[in-house]
Protein backbone atom coordinates (compact mmCIF):
# COMPACT_ATOMS: atom_id res chain seq x y z
CA UNK A 1 108.39 59.60 119.07
CA UNK A 2 104.66 59.10 118.58
CA UNK A 3 104.10 62.87 118.72
CA UNK A 4 106.78 63.51 116.09
CA UNK A 5 105.14 60.97 113.78
CA UNK A 6 101.90 62.90 114.06
CA UNK A 7 103.41 66.38 113.75
CA UNK A 8 105.84 65.76 110.88
CA UNK A 9 103.17 65.11 108.21
CA UNK A 10 101.25 68.14 109.47
CA UNK A 11 104.33 70.37 109.28
CA UNK A 12 105.10 69.16 105.76
CA UNK A 13 101.50 69.82 104.74
CA UNK A 14 101.72 73.39 106.05
CA UNK A 15 105.11 74.08 104.43
CA UNK A 16 104.31 72.52 101.04
CA UNK A 17 102.64 75.66 99.60
CA UNK A 18 105.64 77.74 100.69
CA UNK A 19 108.09 75.39 98.96
CA UNK A 20 105.94 75.57 95.84
CA UNK A 21 105.90 79.35 96.07
CA UNK A 22 109.69 79.51 96.18
CA UNK A 23 109.93 77.29 93.11
CA UNK A 24 107.32 79.43 91.32
CA UNK A 25 109.34 82.58 91.98
CA UNK A 26 112.47 80.99 90.46
CA UNK A 27 110.80 79.69 87.29
CA UNK A 28 108.70 82.72 86.32
CA UNK A 29 108.09 86.45 86.78
CA UNK A 30 105.87 87.34 89.72
CA UNK A 31 103.38 90.22 89.64
CA UNK A 32 101.40 91.86 92.39
CA UNK A 33 97.84 92.53 91.21
CA UNK A 34 95.55 95.04 92.88
CA UNK A 35 91.94 94.57 91.77
CA UNK A 36 89.17 97.18 92.09
CA UNK A 37 85.58 96.25 91.25
CA UNK A 38 84.22 99.66 90.40
CA UNK A 39 80.58 100.72 90.56
CA UNK A 40 79.42 101.48 86.99
CA UNK A 41 77.98 104.85 88.01
CA UNK A 42 81.28 105.88 89.60
CA UNK A 43 83.57 105.07 86.66
CA UNK A 44 84.38 108.69 85.75
CA UNK A 45 85.00 109.62 89.38
CA UNK A 46 87.19 106.56 89.88
CA UNK A 47 89.31 107.24 86.81
CA UNK A 48 89.74 110.89 87.84
CA UNK A 49 91.22 109.75 91.17
CA UNK A 50 93.61 107.37 89.40
CA UNK A 51 94.72 110.07 86.97
CA UNK A 52 95.36 112.38 89.92
CA UNK A 53 97.40 109.63 91.58
CA UNK A 54 99.46 109.09 88.42
CA UNK A 55 100.02 112.85 88.08
CA UNK A 56 101.15 113.08 91.72
CA UNK A 57 103.60 110.20 91.27
CA UNK A 58 105.05 111.89 88.18
CA UNK A 59 105.27 115.27 89.90
CA UNK A 60 107.17 113.85 92.86
CA UNK A 61 109.22 111.39 90.79
CA UNK A 62 108.16 108.30 92.75
CA UNK A 63 110.67 105.54 91.97
CA UNK A 64 109.69 102.65 94.24
CA UNK A 65 106.52 101.62 92.45
CA UNK A 66 105.18 101.10 88.95
CA UNK A 67 102.13 99.51 87.38
CA UNK A 68 100.25 98.84 84.17
CA UNK A 69 96.47 99.02 84.16
CA UNK A 70 93.77 96.89 82.55
CA UNK A 71 90.07 97.74 82.56
CA UNK A 72 87.95 94.63 82.08
CA UNK A 73 84.50 94.47 80.50
CA UNK A 74 82.82 93.97 83.89
CA UNK A 75 84.27 97.31 85.12
CA UNK A 76 87.02 95.63 87.10
CA UNK A 77 90.36 97.46 87.06
CA UNK A 78 93.61 95.51 87.46
CA UNK A 79 96.85 97.21 88.47
CA UNK A 80 99.80 94.93 87.77
CA UNK A 81 103.25 95.54 89.29
CA UNK A 82 106.35 93.34 88.94
CA UNK A 83 107.90 92.01 92.14
CA UNK A 84 111.10 90.08 92.79
CA UNK A 85 109.78 88.08 95.74
CA UNK A 86 107.05 87.99 98.36
CA UNK A 87 109.24 90.25 100.52
CA UNK A 88 108.40 93.12 98.16
CA UNK A 89 104.85 93.08 99.52
CA UNK A 90 106.20 94.62 102.73
CA UNK A 91 107.52 97.66 100.86
CA UNK A 92 105.49 100.87 100.85
CA UNK A 93 105.37 101.84 97.19
CA UNK A 94 104.07 105.29 98.07
CA UNK A 95 106.56 106.20 100.80
CA UNK A 96 108.15 108.91 98.65
CA UNK A 97 104.76 110.28 97.68
CA UNK A 98 103.71 110.48 101.32
CA UNK A 99 106.99 112.15 102.26
CA UNK A 100 106.97 114.75 99.49
CA UNK A 101 103.24 115.33 99.16
CA UNK A 102 102.53 114.98 102.86
CA UNK A 103 100.85 112.10 104.66
CA UNK A 104 97.59 113.99 105.09
CA UNK A 105 97.22 114.90 101.42
CA UNK A 106 98.26 111.42 100.31
CA UNK A 107 95.71 109.84 102.65
CA UNK A 108 93.01 112.20 101.37
CA UNK A 109 93.83 111.23 97.78
CA UNK A 110 93.44 107.50 98.45
CA UNK A 111 90.31 108.11 100.55
CA UNK A 112 88.58 109.41 97.41
CA UNK A 113 88.55 105.83 96.10
CA UNK A 114 86.34 104.55 98.92
CA UNK A 115 82.98 105.49 97.43
CA UNK A 116 83.84 104.26 93.93
CA UNK A 117 84.08 100.49 94.31
CA UNK A 118 82.23 97.60 95.93
CA UNK A 119 85.23 95.36 96.53
CA UNK A 120 88.97 95.47 96.16
CA UNK A 121 91.89 93.21 97.00
CA UNK A 122 95.37 91.94 96.18
CA UNK A 123 96.93 88.72 94.96
CA UNK A 124 99.94 87.31 93.13
CA UNK A 125 100.15 85.91 89.60
CA UNK A 126 103.11 84.46 87.72
CA UNK A 127 103.94 84.99 84.06
CA UNK A 128 105.23 81.67 82.70
CA UNK A 129 107.51 82.43 79.76
CA UNK A 130 108.05 78.71 79.13
CA UNK A 131 104.33 78.31 78.40
CA UNK A 132 103.85 81.61 76.54
CA UNK A 133 104.19 82.17 72.79
CA UNK A 134 105.51 85.58 71.74
CA UNK A 135 108.41 85.14 69.28
CA UNK A 136 109.37 88.83 69.29
CA UNK A 137 110.04 88.65 73.05
CA UNK A 138 107.74 88.31 76.05
CA UNK A 139 106.08 91.63 76.88
CA UNK A 140 102.84 92.53 78.64
CA UNK A 141 102.42 95.64 76.54
CA UNK A 142 102.23 95.31 72.75
CA UNK A 143 102.48 98.55 70.76
CA UNK A 144 99.20 99.34 69.01
CA UNK A 145 97.45 96.34 70.59
CA UNK A 146 95.67 97.39 73.79
CA UNK A 147 92.67 95.07 73.42
CA UNK A 148 92.81 91.86 75.46
CA UNK A 149 90.95 88.57 75.49
CA UNK A 150 91.69 86.53 78.62
CA UNK A 151 90.88 82.85 79.01
CA UNK A 152 90.76 81.73 82.65
CA UNK A 153 91.23 77.99 82.97
CA UNK A 154 90.60 76.69 86.50
CA UNK A 155 92.32 73.44 87.43
CA UNK A 156 92.27 71.06 90.38
CA UNK A 157 95.50 69.90 92.08
CA UNK A 158 95.32 66.54 90.30
CA UNK A 159 95.02 68.22 86.87
CA UNK A 160 97.52 71.06 87.38
CA UNK A 161 100.54 69.23 85.98
CA UNK A 162 98.58 67.80 83.05
CA UNK A 163 97.31 71.24 82.04
CA UNK A 164 100.84 72.71 82.09
CA UNK A 165 102.21 69.82 80.02
CA UNK A 166 99.48 70.29 77.41
CA UNK A 167 100.26 74.04 77.26
CA UNK A 168 103.87 73.12 76.43
CA UNK A 169 102.57 71.01 73.53
CA UNK A 170 100.39 73.96 72.49
CA UNK A 171 103.40 76.28 72.36
CA UNK A 172 105.30 73.75 70.22
CA UNK A 173 102.37 73.58 67.79
CA UNK A 174 102.20 77.38 67.52
CA UNK A 175 105.95 77.51 66.85
CA UNK A 176 105.73 74.78 64.22
CA UNK A 177 102.99 76.66 62.36
CA UNK A 178 104.65 80.08 62.85
CA UNK A 179 101.33 81.41 64.11
CA UNK A 180 100.69 85.16 64.04
CA UNK A 181 98.49 84.90 67.15
CA UNK A 182 100.65 85.37 70.22
CA UNK A 183 99.72 84.80 73.86
CA UNK A 184 101.07 84.93 77.40
CA UNK A 185 100.26 82.43 80.14
CA UNK A 186 99.84 83.41 83.80
CA UNK A 187 99.26 81.17 86.79
CA UNK A 188 97.52 82.27 89.97
CA UNK A 189 99.47 82.36 93.21
CA UNK A 190 99.23 83.63 96.77
CA UNK A 191 95.90 85.26 97.63
CA UNK A 192 93.79 83.30 95.12
CA UNK A 193 91.46 80.51 96.29
CA UNK A 194 92.04 77.61 93.94
CA UNK A 195 94.28 77.65 90.87
CA UNK A 196 93.84 79.09 87.40
CA UNK A 197 95.93 79.50 84.27
CA UNK A 198 95.07 82.67 82.40
CA UNK A 199 95.92 82.95 78.70
CA UNK A 200 96.07 86.59 77.51
CA UNK A 201 95.80 87.42 73.81
CA UNK A 202 96.46 90.95 72.51
CA UNK A 203 94.93 92.65 69.45
CA UNK A 204 94.16 96.12 68.09
CA UNK A 205 90.46 95.60 68.75
CA UNK A 206 87.69 93.01 68.87
CA UNK A 207 87.30 92.72 65.09
CA UNK A 208 91.00 92.32 64.44
CA UNK A 209 91.31 89.82 67.28
CA UNK A 210 88.45 87.71 65.89
CA UNK A 211 89.95 87.80 62.39
CA UNK A 212 93.35 86.72 63.69
CA UNK A 213 91.71 83.91 65.65
CA UNK A 214 89.88 82.64 62.56
CA UNK A 215 93.10 82.74 60.52
CA UNK A 216 94.95 80.88 63.23
CA UNK A 217 92.29 78.17 63.31
CA UNK A 218 92.58 77.61 59.57
CA UNK A 219 96.37 77.60 59.79
CA UNK A 220 96.76 75.00 62.53
CA UNK A 221 93.38 73.41 63.29
CA UNK A 222 94.87 69.96 62.70
CA UNK A 223 97.13 70.52 65.71
CA UNK A 224 94.98 73.01 67.59
CA UNK A 225 91.70 71.10 67.95
CA UNK A 226 93.16 67.93 69.55
CA UNK A 227 95.16 70.05 72.00
CA UNK A 228 92.09 72.10 72.94
CA UNK A 229 90.24 68.87 73.66
CA UNK A 230 93.16 67.71 75.78
CA UNK A 231 93.13 70.99 77.73
CA UNK A 232 89.41 70.60 78.43
CA UNK A 233 90.09 67.25 80.10
CA UNK A 234 92.36 69.03 82.60
CA UNK A 235 90.09 72.05 83.15
CA UNK A 236 87.49 72.27 85.91
CA UNK A 237 85.95 75.53 84.63
CA UNK A 238 86.73 78.10 81.93
CA UNK A 239 85.82 81.79 81.75
CA UNK A 240 86.44 84.26 78.94
CA UNK A 241 86.91 87.93 79.78
CA UNK A 242 87.75 90.97 77.70
CA UNK A 243 89.33 94.30 78.41
CA UNK A 244 91.56 97.17 77.37
CA UNK A 245 94.99 98.19 78.55
CA UNK A 246 94.85 101.75 79.87
CA UNK A 247 98.22 103.51 79.46
CA UNK A 248 96.63 106.74 80.76
CA UNK A 249 96.01 105.02 84.12
CA UNK A 250 99.44 103.38 84.30
CA UNK A 251 102.59 104.65 85.98
CA UNK A 252 106.17 103.89 84.94
CA UNK A 253 108.74 106.05 86.75
CA UNK A 254 111.07 108.26 84.73
CA UNK A 255 114.71 107.18 84.89
């Protein structure tokens, strides 16, 4: 009896993140992100390998994988693939490629990446449609708008719920003002130390994005400024990053 009293809280502590993960999967769309931090001097070589990989997937009609690609301003490349659950991580997305192209040639293709980056890794993020504002329909790719500004808001466990609640108020304010500036909200998941909410804003380019931001401020600053101050109270740290979607480095299988 004494042992069970000791072990039960420990078991619940261990299982809590898994319960949270299951709830996250039900309430939002999960994405598997592969991140490559590429050496600046190897950028051209790196992109050539990726283009060869995309071409090989197209040639052999690979159906079990797909991804969109974002190059960030610090030369980090993100490959984002939708998944239904954590079980999808066990699937080999390049099984068909290896079978049709040959394991040796496929291995040689991926080996060409090794000299091009300092670090790489994988993690899960969740797109929260309930927190995102995109009246035309939630989409990661916006035609004619490949430029991205991404606001990473890091929160502590005690401030997580408060941040999400304030983002719901933010969405309501954007809807009330019929804002032309749209955004999507992602939350970090498995594989990320700590927790962040990332707000992604699309535009044609930096100038157009800045202009739209200024117009949005004038349109709704009465609502916007108090909510920004409220978000800051729930935020441990904030980072702003920029990048470009790269359709030429993406792969969507032909149907």
